[in-house]
C-alpha atoms as a PDB file:
ATOM      1  CA  UNK A   1       0.000   0.000   0.000  1.00  0.00           C
ATOM      2  CA  UNK A   2       1.209   3.534  -0.729  1.00  0.00           C
ATOM      3  CA  UNK A   3       0.329   6.226   1.766  1.00  0.00           C
ATOM      4  CA  UNK A   4       0.437   9.808   0.453  1.00  0.00           C
ATOM      5  CA  UNK A   5       0.672  13.012   2.453  1.00  0.00           C
ATOM      6  CA  UNK A   6       1.169  16.286   0.574  1.00  0.00           C
ATOM      7  CA  UNK A   7       4.177  15.577  -1.648  1.00  0.00           C
ATOM      8  CA  UNK A   8       5.362  12.729   0.594  1.00  0.00           C
ATOM      9  CA  UNK A   9       4.703   9.111  -0.357  1.00  0.00           C
ATOM     10  CA  UNK A  10       5.941   6.155   1.639  1.00  0.00           C
ATOM     11  CA  UNK A  11       5.243   2.463   1.506  1.00  0.00           C
ATOM     12  CA  UNK A  12       3.195   0.808   4.213  1.00  0.00           C
ATOM     13  CA  UNK A  13       3.873  -2.958   4.236  1.00  0.00           C
ATOM     14  CA  UNK A  14       0.348  -3.809   5.386  1.00  0.00           C
ATOM     15  CA  UNK A  15      -2.844  -2.233   6.615  1.00  0.00           C
ATOM     16  CA  UNK A  16      -4.122  -5.504   8.015  1.00  0.00           C
ATOM     17  CA  UNK A  17      -2.919  -4.604  11.498  1.00  0.00           C
ATOM     18  CA  UNK A  18      -4.687  -2.109  13.697  1.00  0.00           C
ATOM     19  CA  UNK A  19      -1.446  -0.130  14.131  1.00  0.00           C
ATOM     20  CA  UNK A  20      -0.911   0.221  10.388  1.00  0.00           C
ATOM     21  CA  UNK A  21      -4.516   1.320   9.880  1.00  0.00           C
ATOM     22  CA  UNK A  22      -4.064   3.950  12.578  1.00  0.00           C
ATOM     23  CA  UNK A  23      -0.947   5.331  10.944  1.00  0.00           C
ATOM     24  CA  UNK A  24      -2.526   5.284   7.483  1.00  0.00           C
ATOM     25  CA  UNK A  25      -5.262   7.513   8.909  1.00  0.00           C
ATOM     26  CA  UNK A  26      -2.621   9.606  10.670  1.00  0.00           C
ATOM     27  CA  UNK A  27      -0.797  10.590   7.488  1.00  0.00           C
ATOM     28  CA  UNK A  28      -4.019  11.213   5.566  1.00  0.00           C
ATOM     29  CA  UNK A  29      -5.942  13.532   7.921  1.00  0.00           C
ATOM     30  CA  UNK A  30      -9.695  13.206   7.792  1.00  0.00           C
ATOM     31  CA  UNK A  31     -12.164  15.725   9.248  1.00  0.00           C
ATOM     32  CA  UNK A  32     -13.307  14.910  12.746  1.00  0.00           C
ATOM     33  CA  UNK A  33     -10.691  12.260  13.515  1.00  0.00           C
ATOM     34  CA  UNK A  34      -9.115  13.006  16.907  1.00  0.00           C
ATOM     35  CA  UNK A  35      -6.172  10.862  17.979  1.00  0.00           C
ATOM     36  CA  UNK A  36      -5.587   9.911  21.607  1.00  0.00           C
ATOM     37  CA  UNK A  37      -1.968   9.232  22.577  1.00  0.00           C
ATOM     38  CA  UNK A  38      -1.289   7.707  26.001  1.00  0.00           C
ATOM     39  CA  UNK A  39       1.812   9.185  27.640  1.00  0.00           C
ATOM     40  CA  UNK A  40       4.050   6.316  28.817  1.00  0.00           C
ATOM     41  CA  UNK A  41       1.024   4.066  28.214  1.00  0.00           C
ATOM     42  CA  UNK A  42      -1.532   3.379  30.982  1.00  0.00           C
ATOM     43  CA  UNK A  43       0.821   4.281  33.825  1.00  0.00           C
ATOM     44  CA  UNK A  44      -1.950   5.031  36.329  1.00  0.00           C
ATOM     45  CA  UNK A  45      -2.854   1.346  36.439  1.00  0.00           C
ATOM     46  CA  UNK A  46       0.420  -0.382  35.507  1.00  0.00           C
ATOM     47  CA  UNK A  47       4.113   0.526  35.651  1.00  0.00           C
ATOM     48  CA  UNK A  48       4.889   3.191  33.071  1.00  0.00           C
ATOM     49  CA  UNK A  49       6.321   1.973  29.751  1.00  0.00           C
ATOM     50  CA  UNK A  50       5.589  -1.661  30.678  1.00  0.00           C
ATOM     51  CA  UNK A  51       4.112  -4.255  28.357  1.00  0.00           C
ATOM     52  CA  UNK A  52       1.087  -4.465  30.658  1.00  0.00           C
ATOM     53  CA  UNK A  53       0.530  -0.705  30.415  1.00  0.00           C
ATOM     54  CA  UNK A  54       0.680  -0.863  26.613  1.00  0.00           C
ATOM     55  CA  UNK A  55      -1.679  -3.850  26.476  1.00  0.00           C
ATOM     56  CA  UNK A  56      -4.130  -1.927  28.650  1.00  0.00           C
ATOM     57  CA  UNK A  57      -4.099   0.908  26.116  1.00  0.00           C
ATOM     58  CA  UNK A  58      -4.913  -1.572  23.372  1.00  0.00           C
ATOM     59  CA  UNK A  59      -7.964  -2.697  25.339  1.00  0.00           C
ATOM     60  CA  UNK A  60      -8.995   0.900  26.006  1.00  0.00           C
ATOM     61  CA  UNK A  61      -8.990   1.789  22.313  1.00  0.00           C
ATOM     62  CA  UNK A  62      -6.182   4.330  22.516  1.00  0.00           C
ATOM     63  CA  UNK A  63      -4.784   5.256  19.089  1.00  0.00           C
ATOM     64  CA  UNK A  64      -1.080   5.505  19.934  1.00  0.00           C
ATOM     65  CA  UNK A  65       1.137   5.009  22.962  1.00  0.00           C
ATOM     66  CA  UNK A  66       4.158   7.170  23.610  1.00  0.00           C
ATOM     67  CA  UNK A  67       7.115   5.163  24.879  1.00  0.00           C
ATOM     68  CA  UNK A  68      10.624   6.276  25.836  1.00  0.00           C
ATOM     69  CA  UNK A  69      13.918   4.735  24.810  1.00  0.00           C
ATOM     70  CA  UNK A  70      17.297   4.420  26.490  1.00  0.00           C
ATOM     71  CA  UNK A  71      20.348   2.352  25.547  1.00  0.00           C
ATOM     72  CA  UNK A  72      22.077  -0.166  27.807  1.00  0.00           C
ATOM     73  CA  UNK A  73      25.814  -0.615  28.279  1.00  0.00           C
ATOM     74  CA  UNK A  74      25.834  -3.369  25.668  1.00  0.00           C
ATOM     75  CA  UNK A  75      23.843  -1.332  23.152  1.00  0.00           C
ATOM     76  CA  UNK A  76      20.312  -2.696  23.582  1.00  0.00           C
ATOM     77  CA  UNK A  77      17.358  -0.315  23.277  1.00  0.00           C
ATOM     78  CA  UNK A  78      15.044  -0.628  26.263  1.00  0.00           C
ATOM     79  CA  UNK A  79      11.746   1.082  27.028  1.00  0.00           C
ATOM     80  CA  UNK A  80      12.279   3.347  30.027  1.00  0.00           C
ATOM     81  CA  UNK A  81      11.954   7.093  30.467  1.00  0.00           C
ATOM     82  CA  UNK A  82      14.751   8.128  32.798  1.00  0.00           C
ATOM     83  CA  UNK A  83      18.472   7.875  32.144  1.00  0.00           C
ATOM     84  CA  UNK A  84      18.727   6.592  35.725  1.00  0.00           C
ATOM     85  CA  UNK A  85      17.040   3.571  37.286  1.00  0.00           C
ATOM     86  CA  UNK A  86      15.949   4.610  40.777  1.00  0.00           C
ATOM     87  CA  UNK A  87      12.535   6.169  40.095  1.00  0.00           C
ATOM     88  CA  UNK A  88      10.987   3.466  37.930  1.00  0.00           C
ATOM     89  CA  UNK A  89      12.888   0.278  38.824  1.00  0.00           C
ATOM     90  CA  UNK A  90      14.415  -1.576  41.765  1.00  0.00           C
ATOM     91  CA  UNK A  91      17.875  -0.773  40.406  1.00  0.00           C
ATOM     92  CA  UNK A  92      20.363   2.013  40.946  1.00  0.00           C
ATOM     93  CA  UNK A  93      22.653   3.995  38.695  1.00  0.00           C
ATOM     94  CA  UNK A  94      22.511   4.908  35.027  1.00  0.00           C
ATOM     95  CA  UNK A  95      20.934   2.755  32.339  1.00  0.00           C
ATOM     96  CA  UNK A  96      24.013   3.138  30.158  1.00  0.00           C
ATOM     97  CA  UNK A  97      26.198   1.578  32.878  1.00  0.00           C
ATOM     98  CA  UNK A  98      24.277  -1.722  33.046  1.00  0.00           C
ATOM     99  CA  UNK A  99      23.978  -4.522  30.516  1.00  0.00           C
ATOM    100  CA  UNK A 100      20.631  -5.809  29.333  1.00  0.00           C
ATOM    101  CA  UNK A 101      21.182  -8.954  31.391  1.00  0.00           C
ATOM    102  CA  UNK A 102      21.643  -6.880  34.527  1.00  0.00           C
ATOM    103  CA  UNK A 103      18.565  -4.791  33.808  1.00  0.00           C
ATOM    104  CA  UNK A 104      16.481  -7.937  33.251  1.00  0.00           C
ATOM    105  CA  UNK A 105      17.104  -8.780  36.924  1.00  0.00           C
ATOM    106  CA  UNK A 106      15.334  -5.586  37.998  1.00  0.00           C
ATOM    107  CA  UNK A 107      11.625  -5.022  38.483  1.00  0.00           C
ATOM    108  CA  UNK A 108       9.544  -2.008  37.584  1.00  0.00           C
ATOM    109  CA  UNK A 109       7.976   0.164  40.276  1.00  0.00           C
ATOM    110  CA  UNK A 110       4.381   1.305  40.173  1.00  0.00           C
ATOM    111  CA  UNK A 111       3.233   4.919  40.376  1.00  0.00           C
ATOM    112  CA  UNK A 112       3.608   4.879  44.171  1.00  0.00           C
ATOM    113  CA  UNK A 113       7.166   3.610  43.937  1.00  0.00           C
ATOM    114  CA  UNK A 114       6.369   0.055  45.026  1.00  0.00           C
ATOM    115  CA  UNK A 115       8.127  -2.873  43.279  1.00  0.00           C
ATOM    116  CA  UNK A 116       6.001  -5.015  40.957  1.00  0.00           C
ATOM    117  CA  UNK A 117       6.469  -8.280  39.094  1.00  0.00           C
ATOM    118  CA  UNK A 118       6.927  -6.435  35.780  1.00  0.00           C
ATOM    119  CA  UNK A 119      10.270  -6.278  33.974  1.00  0.00           C
ATOM    120  CA  UNK A 120      11.740  -3.560  31.762  1.00  0.00           C
ATOM    121  CA  UNK A 121      10.931  -4.453  28.129  1.00  0.00           C
ATOM    122  CA  UNK A 122      13.190  -3.989  25.145  1.00  0.00           C
ATOM    123  CA  UNK A 123      11.996  -2.120  22.086  1.00  0.00           C
ATOM    124  CA  UNK A 124      12.175  -5.378  20.150  1.00  0.00           C
ATOM    125  CA  UNK A 125       9.865  -7.035  22.671  1.00  0.00           C
ATOM    126  CA  UNK A 126       7.358  -4.187  22.479  1.00  0.00           C
ATOM    127  CA  UNK A 127       7.347  -4.331  18.688  1.00  0.00           C
ATOM    128  CA  UNK A 128       6.873  -8.107  18.776  1.00  0.00           C
ATOM    129  CA  UNK A 129       4.230  -8.174  21.518  1.00  0.00           C
ATOM    130  CA  UNK A 130       2.201  -5.035  20.801  1.00  0.00           C
ATOM    131  CA  UNK A 131       3.508  -3.416  17.640  1.00  0.00           C
ATOM    132  CA  UNK A 132       0.748  -4.663  15.331  1.00  0.00           C
ATOM    133  CA  UNK A 133      -2.029  -3.898  17.794  1.00  0.00           C
ATOM    134  CA  UNK A 134      -1.323  -0.253  18.602  1.00  0.00           C
ATOM    135  CA  UNK A 135       0.734   2.465  16.929  1.00  0.00           C
ATOM    136  CA  UNK A 136       3.860   3.564  18.782  1.00  0.00           C
ATOM    137  CA  UNK A 137       5.346   7.020  19.195  1.00  0.00           C
ATOM    138  CA  UNK A 138       9.040   6.588  19.980  1.00  0.00           C
ATOM    139  CA  UNK A 139      10.134   9.407  22.279  1.00  0.00           C
ATOM    140  CA  UNK A 140      13.839  10.006  22.847  1.00  0.00           C
ATOM    141  CA  UNK A 141      14.300   7.804  19.793  1.00  0.00           C
ATOM    142  CA  UNK A 142      15.836  10.521  17.636  1.00  0.00           C
ATOM    143  CA  UNK A 143      19.166   9.893  19.400  1.00  0.00           C
ATOM    144  CA  UNK A 144      19.201   6.277  18.235  1.00  0.00           C
ATOM    145  CA  UNK A 145      17.692   6.350  14.744  1.00  0.00           C
ATOM    146  CA  UNK A 146      20.677   4.560  13.214  1.00  0.00           C
ATOM    147  CA  UNK A 147      19.724   1.570  15.370  1.00  0.00           C
ATOM    148  CA  UNK A 148      15.949   1.997  15.376  1.00  0.00           C
ATOM    149  CA  UNK A 149      15.411   2.150  11.621  1.00  0.00           C
ATOM    150  CA  UNK A 150      17.043  -1.235  10.855  1.00  0.00           C
ATOM    151  CA  UNK A 151      15.033  -2.778  13.698  1.00  0.00           C
ATOM    152  CA  UNK A 152      11.776  -1.386  12.313  1.00  0.00           C
ATOM    153  CA  UNK A 153      12.656  -2.735   8.886  1.00  0.00           C
ATOM    154  CA  UNK A 154      13.618  -6.141  10.293  1.00  0.00           C
ATOM    155  CA  UNK A 155      10.351  -6.425  12.229  1.00  0.00           C
ATOM    156  CA  UNK A 156       8.276  -4.926   9.383  1.00  0.00           C
ATOM    157  CA  UNK A 157       7.062  -2.209  11.732  1.00  0.00           C
ATOM    158  CA  UNK A 158       7.845   0.807   9.523  1.00  0.00           C
ATOM    159  CA  UNK A 159       4.155   1.581   9.047  1.00  0.00           C
ATOM    160  CA  UNK A 160       3.289   1.153  12.718  1.00  0.00           C
ATOM    161  CA  UNK A 161       5.353   3.916  14.317  1.00  0.00           C
ATOM    162  CA  UNK A 162       5.584   7.681  14.544  1.00  0.00           C
ATOM    163  CA  UNK A 163       9.113   9.062  14.791  1.00  0.00           C
ATOM    164  CA  UNK A 164       9.838  12.535  16.101  1.00  0.00           C
ATOM    165  CA  UNK A 165      12.667  14.881  16.985  1.00  0.00           C
ATOM    166  CA  UNK A 166      13.689  18.476  17.712  1.00  0.00           C
ATOM    167  CA  UNK A 167      15.665  19.150  14.549  1.00  0.00           C
ATOM    168  CA  UNK A 168      15.164  21.635  11.745  1.00  0.00           C
ATOM    169  CA  UNK A 169      14.687  20.308   8.209  1.00  0.00           C
ATOM    170  CA  UNK A 170      18.357  20.922   7.423  1.00  0.00           C
ATOM    171  CA  UNK A 171      19.553  19.250  10.629  1.00  0.00           C
ATOM    172  CA  UNK A 172      17.466  16.149  10.058  1.00  0.00           C
ATOM    173  CA  UNK A 173      18.455  15.939   6.397  1.00  0.00           C
ATOM    174  CA  UNK A 174      22.138  16.149   7.288  1.00  0.00           C
ATOM    175  CA  UNK A 175      21.841  13.369   9.854  1.00  0.00           C
ATOM    176  CA  UNK A 176      19.331  10.983   8.268  1.00  0.00           C
ATOM    177  CA  UNK A 177      18.328  12.247   4.854  1.00  0.00           C
ATOM    178  CA  UNK A 178      14.698  12.935   3.942  1.00  0.00           C
ATOM    179  CA  UNK A 179      13.394  10.711   6.714  1.00  0.00           C
ATOM    180  CA  UNK A 180       9.853  12.121   6.480  1.00  0.00           C
ATOM    181  CA  UNK A 181       9.524  10.476   3.045  1.00  0.00           C
ATOM    182  CA  UNK A 182      10.207   7.011   4.509  1.00  0.00           C
ATOM    183  CA  UNK A 183       8.419   7.165   7.848  1.00  0.00           C
ATOM    184  CA  UNK A 184       5.672   9.095   9.553  1.00  0.00           C
ATOM    185  CA  UNK A 185       7.725  11.864  11.133  1.00  0.00           C
ATOM    186  CA  UNK A 186       6.801  14.708  13.470  1.00  0.00           C
ATOM    187  CA  UNK A 187       9.047  17.638  14.405  1.00  0.00           C
ATOM    188  CA  UNK A 188       8.802  18.924  17.966  1.00  0.00           C
ATOM    189  CA  UNK A 189       8.765  22.731  18.193  1.00  0.00           C
ATOM    190  CA  UNK A 190       9.052  24.382  21.603  1.00  0.00           C
ATOM    191  CA  UNK A 191       7.822  27.971  21.593  1.00  0.00           C
ATOM    192  CA  UNK A 192       9.609  28.658  24.876  1.00  0.00           C
ATOM    193  CA  UNK A 193      12.814  28.546  22.836  1.00  0.00           C
ATOM    194  CA  UNK A 194      13.853  31.082  20.190  1.00  0.00           C
ATOM    195  CA  UNK A 195      12.230  31.233  16.744  1.00  0.00           C
ATOM    196  CA  UNK A 196       9.390  28.776  17.335  1.00  0.00           C
ATOM    197  CA  UNK A 197       7.232  30.140  14.534  1.00  0.00           C
ATOM    198  CA  UNK A 198      10.204  30.220  12.197  1.00  0.00           C
ATOM    199  CA  UNK A 199      10.889  26.542  12.860  1.00  0.00           C
ATOM    200  CA  UNK A 200       7.254  25.651  12.170  1.00  0.00           C
ATOM    201  CA  UNK A 201       7.395  27.573   8.894  1.00  0.00           C
ATOM    202  CA  UNK A 202      10.669  25.892   7.950  1.00  0.00           C
ATOM    203  CA  UNK A 203       8.939  22.516   8.154  1.00  0.00           C
ATOM    204  CA  UNK A 204       5.766  23.615   6.405  1.00  0.00           C
ATOM    205  CA  UNK A 205       7.674  25.142   3.497  1.00  0.00           C
ATOM    206  CA  UNK A 206      10.458  22.617   3.030  1.00  0.00           C
ATOM    207  CA  UNK A 207       9.279  19.178   4.105  1.00  0.00           C
ATOM    208  CA  UNK A 208       5.592  18.973   5.141  1.00  0.00           C
ATOM    209  CA  UNK A 209       5.698  16.392   7.953  1.00  0.00           C
ATOM    210  CA  UNK A 210       2.734  14.250   8.974  1.00  0.00           C
ATOM    211  CA  UNK A 211       2.202  16.299  12.140  1.00  0.00           C
ATOM    212  CA  UNK A 212       3.660  19.082  14.277  1.00  0.00           C
ATOM    213  CA  UNK A 213       4.118  18.746  18.040  1.00  0.00           C
ATOM    214  CA  UNK A 214       3.800  22.256  19.442  1.00  0.00           C
ATOM    215  CA  UNK A 215       4.967  22.946  23.002  1.00  0.00           C
ATOM    216  CA  UNK A 216       4.218  26.268  24.719  1.00  0.00           C
ATOM    217  CA  UNK A 217       3.873  27.488  28.283  1.00  0.00           C
ATOM    218  CA  UNK A 218       1.749  30.484  27.256  1.00  0.00           C
ATOM    219  CA  UNK A 219      -0.761  30.975  24.453  1.00  0.00           C
ATOM    220  CA  UNK A 220       0.507  33.787  22.217  1.00  0.00           C
ATOM    221  CA  UNK A 221      -0.023  35.349  18.814  1.00  0.00           C
ATOM    222  CA  UNK A 222       2.901  33.289  17.487  1.00  0.00           C
ATOM    223  CA  UNK A 223       1.466  30.019  18.780  1.00  0.00           C
ATOM    224  CA  UNK A 224      -1.926  30.943  17.358  1.00  0.00           C
ATOM    225  CA  UNK A 225      -0.310  31.680  13.987  1.00  0.00           C
ATOM    226  CA  UNK A 226       1.476  28.328  14.059  1.00  0.00           C
ATOM    227  CA  UNK A 227      -1.794  26.520  14.736  1.00  0.00           C
ATOM    228  CA  UNK A 228      -3.520  28.310  11.886  1.00  0.00           C
ATOM    229  CA  UNK A 229      -0.700  27.745   9.389  1.00  0.00           C
ATOM    230  CA  UNK A 230      -0.543  24.037  10.245  1.00  0.00           C
ATOM    231  CA  UNK A 231      -4.297  23.760   9.900  1.00  0.00           C
ATOM    232  CA  UNK A 232      -4.313  25.481   6.502  1.00  0.00           C
ATOM    233  CA  UNK A 233      -1.419  23.290   5.316  1.00  0.00           C
ATOM    234  CA  UNK A 234      -3.213  20.108   6.399  1.00  0.00           C
ATOM    235  CA  UNK A 235      -0.537  19.228   8.946  1.00  0.00           C
ATOM    236  CA  UNK A 236      -1.877  17.560  12.060  1.00  0.00           C
ATOM    237  CA  UNK A 237      -1.420  19.536  15.309  1.00  0.00           C
ATOM    238  CA  UNK A 238      -0.277  17.600  18.399  1.00  0.00           C
ATOM    239  CA  UNK A 239      -0.513  19.105  21.893  1.00  0.00           C
ATOM    240  CA  UNK A 240       0.551  17.733  25.261  1.00  0.00           C
ATOM    241  CA  UNK A 241      -2.085  18.129  27.963  1.00  0.00           C
ATOM    242  CA  UNK A 242      -0.004  16.264  30.538  1.00  0.00           C
ATOM    243  CA  UNK A 243       1.158  19.279  32.517  1.00  0.00           C
ATOM    244  CA  UNK A 244       0.201  22.977  32.463  1.00  0.00           C
ATOM    245  CA  UNK A 245       3.551  24.262  31.166  1.00  0.00           C
ATOM    246  CA  UNK A 246       3.347  22.177  27.979  1.00  0.00           C
ATOM    247  CA  UNK A 247       0.044  23.536  26.631  1.00  0.00           C
ATOM    248  CA  UNK A 248      -0.456  27.064  27.855  1.00  0.00           C
ATOM    249  CA  UNK A 249      -1.948  26.050  31.195  1.00  0.00           C
ATOM    250  CA  UNK A 250      -4.614  23.735  29.753  1.00  0.00           C
ATOM    251  CA  UNK A 251      -4.009  20.259  31.139  1.00  0.00           C
ATOM    252  CA  UNK A 252      -5.632  16.906  31.898  1.00  0.00           C
ATOM    253  CA  UNK A 253      -6.269  17.673  35.561  1.00  0.00           C
ATOM    254  CA  UNK A 254      -8.174  20.860  34.686  1.00  0.00           C
ATOM    255  CA  UNK A 255     -10.121  18.860  32.117  1.00  0.00           C
ATOM    256  CA  UNK A 256     -11.545  16.644  34.853  1.00  0.00           C
ATOM    257  CA  UNK A 257     -13.833  19.544  35.775  1.00  0.00           C
ATOM    258  CA  UNK A 258     -13.920  21.396  32.449  1.00  0.00           C
ATOM    259  CA  UNK A 259     -13.146  19.153  29.452  1.00  0.00           C
ATOM    260  CA  UNK A 260     -14.692  21.654  27.018  1.00  0.00           C
ATOM    261  CA  UNK A 261     -12.343  24.323  28.357  1.00  0.00           C
ATOM    262  CA  UNK A 262      -9.318  22.131  27.693  1.00  0.00           C
ATOM    263  CA  UNK A 263      -9.893  19.475  25.019  1.00  0.00           C
ATOM    264  CA  UNK A 264     -12.786  21.318  23.377  1.00  0.00           C
ATOM    265  CA  UNK A 265     -10.863  24.590  23.321  1.00  0.00           C
ATOM    266  CA  UNK A 266      -7.989  22.926  21.446  1.00  0.00           C
ATOM    267  CA  UNK A 267     -10.271  21.041  19.058  1.00  0.00           C
ATOM    268  CA  UNK A 268     -11.897  24.332  18.087  1.00  0.00           C
ATOM    269  CA  UNK A 269      -8.421  25.585  17.150  1.00  0.00           C
ATOM    270  CA  UNK A 270      -7.634  22.637  14.906  1.00  0.00           C
ATOM    271  CA  UNK A 271      -5.894  20.208  17.251  1.00  0.00           C
ATOM    272  CA  UNK A 272      -6.414  16.575  16.269  1.00  0.00           C
ATOM    273  CA  UNK A 273      -3.813  14.807  18.443  1.00  0.00           C
ATOM    274  CA  UNK A 274      -3.662  14.849  22.234  1.00  0.00           C
ATOM    275  CA  UNK A 275      -0.908  13.282  24.289  1.00  0.00           C
ATOM    276  CA  UNK A 276      -2.568  12.673  27.622  1.00  0.00           C
ATOM    277  CA  UNK A 277      -2.054  11.182  31.049  1.00  0.00           C
ATOM    278  CA  UNK A 278      -5.803  10.484  31.257  1.00  0.00           C
ATOM    279  CA  UNK A 279      -6.676   8.451  28.160  1.00  0.00           C
ATOM    280  CA  UNK A 280      -9.857   6.998  29.663  1.00  0.00           C
ATOM    281  CA  UNK A 281     -11.285  10.408  30.442  1.00  0.00           C
ATOM    282  CA  UNK A 282     -10.303  11.846  27.067  1.00  0.00           C
ATOM    283  CA  UNK A 283     -11.834   8.905  25.199  1.00  0.00           C
ATOM    284  CA  UNK A 284     -15.035   9.303  27.193  1.00  0.00           C
ATOM    285  CA  UNK A 285     -15.151  13.014  26.426  1.00  0.00           C
ATOM    286  CA  UNK A 286     -14.657  12.428  22.704  1.00  0.00           C
ATOM    287  CA  UNK A 287     -17.396   9.794  22.761  1.00  0.00           C
ATOM    288  CA  UNK A 288     -19.792  12.278  24.345  1.00  0.00           C
ATOM    289  CA  UNK A 289     -18.754  15.045  21.983  1.00  0.00           C
ATOM    290  CA  UNK A 290     -18.927  13.241  18.683  1.00  0.00           C
ATOM    291  CA  UNK A 291     -20.467   9.827  19.245  1.00  0.00           C
ATOM    292  CA  UNK A 292     -17.117   8.110  18.883  1.00  0.00           C
ATOM    293  CA  UNK A 293     -17.534   4.417  19.685  1.00  0.00           C
ATOM    294  CA  UNK A 294     -15.278   2.919  22.317  1.00  0.00           C
ATOM    295  CA  UNK A 295     -14.344  -0.764  22.096  1.00  0.00           C
END
């Protein structure tokens, strides 16, 4: 199957899997389709970034899960957020100082810091266990693309993932070529850093990615212009409602009492992708708003 977005065309090996169907819809935006992305999977009920947390998101009907990658001492990519082990595992020290075998002896902690029976998965294990059932957003993966891309090709998961990174068009091209023509790719633009609108325009004019992740602590005329220019260009807008400083003060916890003032406010401004720490609540809100059917 060939998936086209603007002047970008890339080959999707199969749309038989749920993940591939999700990503085919992702790169060909359709009116009314809102994507729910679970931050570190269903971490409120299972250890973050665990296989169990990802499987829970599959059952919930979440569109994508965001997972984080780190590399072990012996070069294996594992799914864990922090560069250190103390917060999320029973281990100590830096991930890069332990081998995969040593990390396999550890156990993940739950959200209260208590040890569980769950182990730290590798990226290969996640792709094998869950990769066809839910699309994956690989955070912190831009540092390891030389290793990730061959693994995606080996496991035939190219059409099941969303890659992202902080680079300009020129920076990405220098490092990895025209990656957005081979994979669904999303630049991350932080408006709390210089030239946010210029970086958005650089991507819209020179590459046209599948989506734009826009980070901002305050809503401003520049952020508003970026939203409008992405919307006009047909580029999906991704916001992070995890914490107030990532989306101009509008966050998941505020949405518990006022979902229209958070999720609805963004939808009215063209947002069609939400990374959230409350996927259940967001799915329920979208179902009430538009009749979306939950599994």
